N, C-alpha and C. Protein backbone atom coordinates (compact mmCIF):
# COMPACT_ATOMS: atom_id res chain seq x y z
N MET A 1 -13.76 -1.18 -16.21
CA MET A 1 -12.95 -1.85 -15.22
C MET A 1 -13.26 -1.12 -13.92
N LYS A 2 -14.53 -0.44 -13.67
CA LYS A 2 -14.82 0.10 -12.56
C LYS A 2 -14.88 -0.74 -11.39
N ALA A 3 -15.28 -2.16 -11.60
CA ALA A 3 -15.35 -3.05 -10.54
C ALA A 3 -13.86 -3.48 -9.98
N LEU A 4 -12.95 -3.46 -10.97
CA LEU A 4 -11.48 -3.74 -10.59
C LEU A 4 -10.98 -2.56 -9.68
N LEU A 5 -11.22 -1.46 -10.22
CA LEU A 5 -10.79 -0.15 -9.39
C LEU A 5 -11.39 -0.13 -7.95
N GLN A 6 -12.60 -0.45 -7.88
CA GLN A 6 -13.22 -0.50 -6.55
C GLN A 6 -12.68 -1.65 -5.69
N GLY A 7 -12.26 -2.78 -6.33
CA GLY A 7 -11.58 -3.88 -5.63
C GLY A 7 -10.30 -3.40 -5.08
N ILE A 8 -9.54 -2.68 -5.93
CA ILE A 8 -8.21 -2.09 -5.33
C ILE A 8 -8.44 -1.25 -4.10
N ILE A 9 -9.45 -0.22 -4.34
CA ILE A 9 -9.60 0.69 -3.18
C ILE A 9 -9.99 -0.15 -1.81
N ASN A 10 -10.90 -1.24 -2.02
CA ASN A 10 -11.32 -2.01 -0.91
C ASN A 10 -10.26 -2.67 -0.30
N GLU A 11 -9.32 -3.12 -1.17
CA GLU A 11 -8.08 -3.86 -0.63
C GLU A 11 -7.15 -2.95 0.17
N LEU A 12 -7.13 -1.61 -0.22
CA LEU A 12 -6.22 -0.72 0.41
C LEU A 12 -6.75 -0.23 1.72
N THR A 13 -8.08 -0.25 1.89
CA THR A 13 -8.74 0.21 3.10
C THR A 13 -8.14 -0.58 4.24
N GLY A 14 -7.71 0.14 5.40
CA GLY A 14 -7.29 -0.45 6.57
C GLY A 14 -5.90 -0.95 6.65
N THR A 15 -5.14 -0.66 5.51
CA THR A 15 -3.80 -1.18 5.50
C THR A 15 -2.76 -0.13 6.01
N THR A 16 -1.53 -0.58 6.32
CA THR A 16 -0.49 0.19 6.78
C THR A 16 -0.10 1.17 5.67
N LEU A 17 -0.14 0.69 4.44
CA LEU A 17 0.17 1.73 3.23
C LEU A 17 -0.83 2.85 3.23
N ASN A 18 -2.13 2.67 3.50
CA ASN A 18 -3.12 3.69 3.36
C ASN A 18 -2.83 4.68 4.56
N THR A 19 -2.51 4.07 5.77
CA THR A 19 -2.18 4.97 6.92
C THR A 19 -0.98 5.91 6.61
N ASN A 20 -0.03 5.26 6.13
CA ASN A 20 1.34 5.98 5.95
C ASN A 20 1.39 6.98 4.84
N ILE A 21 0.28 6.86 3.88
CA ILE A 21 0.39 7.89 2.80
C ILE A 21 -0.91 8.79 3.16
N GLY A 22 -1.58 8.60 4.30
CA GLY A 22 -2.60 9.62 4.68
C GLY A 22 -3.87 9.55 3.74
N GLY A 23 -4.04 8.27 3.20
CA GLY A 23 -5.17 8.11 2.27
C GLY A 23 -5.00 8.78 0.87
N ARG A 24 -3.81 9.19 0.58
CA ARG A 24 -3.55 9.88 -0.71
C ARG A 24 -3.35 8.86 -1.67
N PHE A 25 -4.26 8.29 -2.30
CA PHE A 25 -4.16 7.24 -3.39
C PHE A 25 -5.11 7.64 -4.52
N TYR A 26 -4.42 7.95 -5.69
CA TYR A 26 -5.16 8.61 -6.69
C TYR A 26 -5.09 7.83 -7.98
N LEU A 27 -6.22 7.81 -8.60
CA LEU A 27 -6.29 7.21 -10.03
C LEU A 27 -5.81 8.18 -11.07
N ASN A 28 -4.89 7.75 -11.87
CA ASN A 28 -4.18 8.49 -12.99
C ASN A 28 -3.38 9.68 -12.78
N GLU A 29 -3.79 10.46 -11.75
CA GLU A 29 -2.73 11.61 -11.41
C GLU A 29 -3.41 12.17 -10.11
N ALA A 30 -2.22 12.69 -9.30
CA ALA A 30 -2.58 13.31 -8.04
C ALA A 30 -2.95 14.85 -8.36
N PRO A 31 -3.70 15.36 -7.37
CA PRO A 31 -4.21 16.79 -7.43
C PRO A 31 -2.96 17.71 -7.42
N GLN A 32 -3.11 18.75 -7.92
CA GLN A 32 -1.96 19.86 -7.82
C GLN A 32 -1.69 20.14 -6.38
N ASN A 33 -0.39 20.32 -6.15
CA ASN A 33 -0.03 20.71 -4.74
C ASN A 33 -0.41 19.78 -3.66
N VAL A 34 -0.57 18.52 -3.96
CA VAL A 34 -1.06 17.55 -2.86
C VAL A 34 0.34 17.28 -2.01
N ALA A 35 0.02 16.86 -0.71
CA ALA A 35 1.00 16.66 0.26
C ALA A 35 1.72 15.18 -0.13
N TYR A 36 2.96 15.13 0.19
CA TYR A 36 3.66 13.94 0.13
C TYR A 36 3.61 13.14 1.45
N PRO A 37 3.80 11.95 1.37
CA PRO A 37 3.88 10.91 0.26
C PRO A 37 2.59 10.56 -0.31
N TYR A 38 2.42 10.15 -1.45
CA TYR A 38 1.16 9.64 -2.02
C TYR A 38 1.41 8.52 -3.08
N VAL A 39 0.40 7.97 -3.68
CA VAL A 39 0.50 6.92 -4.47
C VAL A 39 -0.58 7.22 -5.79
N VAL A 40 -0.08 7.11 -6.99
CA VAL A 40 -0.91 7.15 -8.13
C VAL A 40 -0.96 5.73 -8.84
N TYR A 41 -2.15 5.36 -9.10
CA TYR A 41 -2.33 4.03 -9.78
C TYR A 41 -3.19 4.35 -11.11
N GLN A 42 -2.71 3.39 -12.10
CA GLN A 42 -3.39 3.49 -13.34
C GLN A 42 -3.36 2.09 -14.00
N ILE A 43 -4.40 1.91 -14.90
CA ILE A 43 -4.50 0.87 -15.87
C ILE A 43 -3.58 1.09 -17.05
N ILE A 44 -2.65 0.28 -17.25
CA ILE A 44 -1.76 0.43 -18.44
C ILE A 44 -2.35 -0.18 -19.71
N SER A 45 -2.79 -1.46 -19.53
CA SER A 45 -3.34 -2.16 -20.67
C SER A 45 -4.44 -3.15 -20.03
N GLU A 46 -5.21 -3.56 -21.03
CA GLU A 46 -6.28 -4.55 -20.61
C GLU A 46 -6.53 -5.41 -21.86
N PHE A 47 -6.37 -6.70 -21.72
CA PHE A 47 -6.53 -7.68 -22.75
C PHE A 47 -7.62 -8.78 -22.44
N PRO A 48 -8.85 -8.69 -23.15
CA PRO A 48 -9.86 -9.68 -22.98
C PRO A 48 -9.46 -10.92 -23.83
N ASP A 49 -9.71 -12.06 -23.21
CA ASP A 49 -9.49 -13.31 -23.98
C ASP A 49 -10.90 -14.05 -24.07
N GLU A 50 -11.32 -14.29 -25.27
CA GLU A 50 -12.61 -14.89 -25.38
C GLU A 50 -12.49 -16.25 -25.85
N TYR A 51 -12.68 -17.26 -24.91
CA TYR A 51 -12.70 -18.61 -25.07
C TYR A 51 -13.88 -19.17 -25.62
N PHE A 52 -14.95 -18.84 -25.10
CA PHE A 52 -16.33 -19.37 -25.58
C PHE A 52 -17.30 -18.26 -25.90
N ALA A 53 -18.12 -18.42 -26.77
CA ALA A 53 -19.17 -17.45 -27.33
C ALA A 53 -18.40 -16.17 -27.55
N ASP A 54 -19.04 -15.00 -27.36
CA ASP A 54 -18.51 -13.68 -27.67
C ASP A 54 -18.26 -12.90 -26.60
N THR A 55 -18.02 -13.49 -25.28
CA THR A 55 -17.89 -12.77 -24.11
C THR A 55 -16.47 -13.15 -23.56
N ALA A 56 -15.82 -12.25 -22.85
CA ALA A 56 -14.50 -12.51 -22.42
C ALA A 56 -14.56 -13.32 -21.06
N ASP A 57 -13.89 -14.44 -21.10
CA ASP A 57 -13.75 -15.33 -19.92
C ASP A 57 -12.66 -14.95 -18.95
N LEU A 58 -11.67 -14.31 -19.70
CA LEU A 58 -10.47 -13.95 -18.90
C LEU A 58 -10.07 -12.58 -19.32
N GLU A 59 -9.79 -11.79 -18.31
CA GLU A 59 -9.23 -10.34 -18.53
C GLU A 59 -7.89 -10.39 -17.93
N GLU A 60 -6.82 -9.90 -18.74
CA GLU A 60 -5.56 -9.61 -18.21
C GLU A 60 -5.28 -8.19 -18.21
N ILE A 61 -4.96 -7.64 -17.02
CA ILE A 61 -4.81 -6.16 -16.94
C ILE A 61 -3.57 -5.81 -16.35
N SER A 62 -2.91 -4.93 -16.93
CA SER A 62 -1.57 -4.39 -16.37
C SER A 62 -1.84 -3.06 -15.65
N ILE A 63 -1.25 -3.03 -14.46
CA ILE A 63 -1.52 -1.78 -13.52
C ILE A 63 -0.20 -1.44 -12.95
N THR A 64 -0.01 -0.01 -12.94
CA THR A 64 1.14 0.47 -12.46
C THR A 64 0.76 1.39 -11.17
N MET A 65 1.58 1.13 -10.10
CA MET A 65 1.32 1.98 -8.83
C MET A 65 2.61 2.72 -8.49
N ASP A 66 2.53 4.02 -8.58
CA ASP A 66 3.77 4.88 -8.43
C ASP A 66 3.73 5.58 -7.05
N ILE A 67 4.66 5.35 -6.18
CA ILE A 67 4.74 5.87 -4.91
C ILE A 67 5.74 7.15 -5.07
N PHE A 68 5.31 8.34 -4.46
CA PHE A 68 6.05 9.50 -4.64
C PHE A 68 6.46 9.98 -3.21
N SER A 69 7.61 10.38 -3.03
CA SER A 69 8.17 10.85 -1.72
C SER A 69 9.18 12.13 -2.02
N GLU A 70 9.13 12.95 -1.12
CA GLU A 70 10.01 14.09 -1.26
C GLU A 70 11.11 14.25 -0.26
N LYS A 71 11.29 13.14 0.56
CA LYS A 71 12.30 13.16 1.51
C LYS A 71 13.64 13.07 0.95
N ALA A 72 14.70 13.44 1.66
CA ALA A 72 16.09 13.66 1.14
C ALA A 72 16.63 12.32 0.66
N SER A 73 16.27 11.23 1.40
CA SER A 73 16.78 9.89 1.11
C SER A 73 15.61 9.04 0.59
N GLY A 74 15.98 7.90 0.09
CA GLY A 74 14.96 7.05 -0.44
C GLY A 74 14.40 6.07 0.55
N VAL A 75 14.60 6.30 1.89
CA VAL A 75 14.16 5.42 2.90
C VAL A 75 12.62 5.40 2.98
N GLU A 76 11.96 6.56 2.98
CA GLU A 76 10.47 6.68 3.10
C GLU A 76 9.92 5.86 1.84
N CYS A 77 10.35 6.03 0.62
CA CYS A 77 9.88 5.49 -0.61
C CYS A 77 10.10 4.02 -0.51
N ASN A 78 11.34 3.47 0.02
CA ASN A 78 11.41 2.05 0.14
C ASN A 78 10.51 1.45 1.25
N ASN A 79 10.30 2.14 2.47
CA ASN A 79 9.40 1.74 3.30
C ASN A 79 7.96 1.62 2.80
N LEU A 80 7.53 2.56 2.01
CA LEU A 80 6.11 2.61 1.44
C LEU A 80 6.02 1.42 0.36
N TYR A 81 7.10 1.19 -0.27
CA TYR A 81 7.07 0.10 -1.19
C TYR A 81 6.94 -1.21 -0.56
N GLU A 82 7.55 -1.47 0.64
CA GLU A 82 7.26 -2.64 1.47
C GLU A 82 5.84 -2.73 2.00
N ASN A 83 5.19 -1.52 2.34
CA ASN A 83 3.83 -1.48 2.69
C ASN A 83 2.96 -1.88 1.46
N LEU A 84 3.33 -1.40 0.31
CA LEU A 84 2.49 -1.62 -0.93
C LEU A 84 2.58 -3.15 -1.24
N LYS A 85 3.76 -3.78 -1.09
CA LYS A 85 3.97 -5.19 -1.35
C LYS A 85 3.13 -5.95 -0.49
N THR A 86 3.04 -5.75 0.80
CA THR A 86 2.28 -6.26 1.84
C THR A 86 0.67 -6.11 1.45
N ALA A 87 0.28 -5.02 1.12
CA ALA A 87 -1.15 -4.83 0.75
C ALA A 87 -1.49 -5.55 -0.56
N PHE A 88 -0.62 -5.52 -1.54
CA PHE A 88 -1.19 -5.93 -2.83
C PHE A 88 -0.52 -7.25 -3.47
N ASP A 89 0.67 -7.60 -3.03
CA ASP A 89 1.20 -8.73 -3.61
C ASP A 89 0.36 -10.07 -3.51
N ASN A 90 -0.10 -10.71 -4.44
CA ASN A 90 -0.80 -11.88 -4.41
C ASN A 90 -2.14 -11.73 -3.41
N CYS A 91 -2.62 -10.65 -3.43
CA CYS A 91 -3.85 -10.31 -2.62
C CYS A 91 -4.98 -10.93 -3.20
N GLU A 92 -6.10 -11.03 -2.39
CA GLU A 92 -7.27 -11.62 -2.84
C GLU A 92 -8.35 -10.54 -3.10
N LEU A 93 -8.25 -9.90 -4.22
CA LEU A 93 -9.25 -8.84 -4.50
C LEU A 93 -10.61 -9.44 -4.70
N THR A 94 -11.60 -8.63 -4.36
CA THR A 94 -13.01 -9.03 -4.57
C THR A 94 -13.44 -8.11 -5.78
N VAL A 95 -13.80 -8.63 -6.88
CA VAL A 95 -14.14 -7.87 -8.09
C VAL A 95 -15.50 -8.39 -8.51
N SER A 96 -16.38 -7.47 -8.41
CA SER A 96 -17.83 -7.81 -8.84
C SER A 96 -17.85 -8.38 -10.23
N GLY A 97 -18.55 -9.48 -10.44
CA GLY A 97 -18.81 -10.08 -11.80
C GLY A 97 -17.67 -11.09 -12.12
N TYR A 98 -16.76 -11.19 -11.27
CA TYR A 98 -15.48 -12.21 -11.51
C TYR A 98 -15.50 -13.17 -10.43
N THR A 99 -15.13 -14.57 -10.78
CA THR A 99 -15.15 -15.60 -9.83
C THR A 99 -13.78 -15.89 -9.26
N HIS A 100 -12.74 -15.47 -10.00
CA HIS A 100 -11.38 -15.66 -9.53
C HIS A 100 -10.56 -14.42 -10.04
N VAL A 101 -9.67 -13.96 -9.02
CA VAL A 101 -9.00 -12.76 -9.32
C VAL A 101 -7.53 -13.08 -8.79
N SER A 102 -6.55 -12.73 -9.50
CA SER A 102 -5.18 -12.81 -8.98
C SER A 102 -4.47 -11.55 -9.24
N MET A 103 -3.54 -11.16 -8.30
CA MET A 103 -2.81 -9.83 -8.55
C MET A 103 -1.30 -10.22 -8.28
N THR A 104 -0.48 -10.13 -9.22
CA THR A 104 1.00 -10.57 -9.05
C THR A 104 1.84 -9.30 -9.39
N ARG A 105 2.82 -9.10 -8.65
CA ARG A 105 3.75 -8.02 -8.92
C ARG A 105 4.73 -8.56 -9.92
N VAL A 106 5.02 -7.80 -10.99
CA VAL A 106 5.89 -8.31 -12.16
C VAL A 106 7.10 -7.47 -12.29
N GLY A 107 7.17 -6.35 -11.61
CA GLY A 107 8.41 -5.50 -11.72
C GLY A 107 8.18 -4.29 -10.87
N ALA A 108 9.42 -3.66 -10.55
CA ALA A 108 9.49 -2.46 -9.72
C ALA A 108 10.79 -1.71 -9.99
N ALA A 109 10.77 -0.46 -9.93
CA ALA A 109 12.09 0.35 -10.18
C ALA A 109 11.95 1.64 -9.28
N LEU A 110 12.94 1.85 -8.41
CA LEU A 110 13.24 3.07 -7.59
C LEU A 110 13.97 4.14 -8.66
N ILE A 111 13.35 5.34 -8.58
CA ILE A 111 13.83 6.31 -9.47
C ILE A 111 13.94 7.63 -8.71
N ARG A 112 15.06 8.29 -8.79
CA ARG A 112 15.29 9.69 -8.03
C ARG A 112 15.32 10.78 -9.18
N ASP A 113 14.65 11.77 -8.95
CA ASP A 113 14.74 12.84 -9.87
C ASP A 113 15.40 14.04 -9.11
N PRO A 114 16.75 14.19 -9.36
CA PRO A 114 17.51 15.16 -8.74
C PRO A 114 17.17 16.53 -8.97
N SER A 115 16.51 16.88 -10.03
CA SER A 115 16.11 18.22 -10.25
C SER A 115 15.14 18.79 -9.40
N ASN A 116 14.25 18.01 -8.77
CA ASN A 116 13.17 18.36 -7.78
C ASN A 116 13.34 17.60 -6.60
N ASN A 117 14.13 16.76 -6.28
CA ASN A 117 14.41 15.99 -5.07
C ASN A 117 13.28 15.07 -4.74
N LEU A 118 12.76 14.46 -5.81
CA LEU A 118 11.64 13.57 -5.66
C LEU A 118 12.05 12.15 -5.86
N TRP A 119 11.57 11.17 -5.06
CA TRP A 119 11.89 9.69 -5.08
C TRP A 119 10.39 9.22 -5.69
N GLN A 120 10.60 8.28 -6.60
CA GLN A 120 9.52 7.60 -7.11
C GLN A 120 9.68 6.05 -7.21
N TYR A 121 8.84 5.32 -6.74
CA TYR A 121 8.87 3.82 -6.90
C TYR A 121 7.80 3.38 -7.67
N SER A 122 8.06 2.95 -8.96
CA SER A 122 7.11 2.53 -9.87
C SER A 122 7.04 0.99 -9.84
N VAL A 123 5.83 0.48 -9.56
CA VAL A 123 5.57 -0.83 -9.25
C VAL A 123 4.48 -1.54 -10.24
N ASP A 124 4.77 -2.50 -10.95
CA ASP A 124 3.92 -3.05 -11.90
C ASP A 124 3.27 -4.42 -11.40
N TYR A 125 1.93 -4.43 -11.59
CA TYR A 125 1.19 -5.62 -11.34
C TYR A 125 0.49 -6.16 -12.54
N GLU A 126 0.26 -7.53 -12.58
CA GLU A 126 -0.54 -8.10 -13.59
C GLU A 126 -1.84 -8.71 -12.76
N VAL A 127 -3.04 -8.34 -13.29
CA VAL A 127 -4.16 -8.72 -12.68
C VAL A 127 -4.90 -9.70 -13.64
N LEU A 128 -5.36 -10.84 -13.13
CA LEU A 128 -6.14 -11.89 -14.01
C LEU A 128 -7.42 -11.95 -13.35
N LEU A 129 -8.54 -11.66 -14.20
CA LEU A 129 -9.91 -11.71 -13.72
C LEU A 129 -10.52 -13.00 -14.68
N VAL A 130 -11.15 -13.86 -13.95
CA VAL A 130 -11.90 -15.01 -14.60
C VAL A 130 -13.39 -14.84 -14.36
N GLY A 131 -14.07 -14.76 -15.44
CA GLY A 131 -15.49 -14.54 -15.22
C GLY A 131 -16.27 -15.92 -15.20
C-alpha cells in the first residue's frame, strides 16, 4: 500500500492541517519527545476483493488518523479535526495503479487522557481503490 500512503501525503501537502501541525504527520507512531500538536496515521485493515481472474479489482482499506494535542482544553484538537475533515473527507486521492479512489470518514471520537493532560481525536476512514 505504498502508493496509497504516498497519495495521503500528497493530499496533505499545502493544507491548513499540515500548516497547523507543523508538518508533524507520522506513519504508525510519532518520534519520541515530538512537539505537539501532531497526527499519527495507520492502516488498520486491508481487504482485497477479487472479481475477475486472480487479481484484486477492489481494495477496501481502513485507516485511522489520530490527532494529539497537549492544550488544557480540547479547542485545538477540535480545530485540527475540522482541518483534517477539510483535507480528507471525500477527497480525490491520486493513487498510482488505481483508476478510482474514494475516501470516506466513517467515525470519530474525542478522547481526553487526564493522567497526562493529552487530547486525542481518533478519526476513521474507509478508502476504496478500484484497479
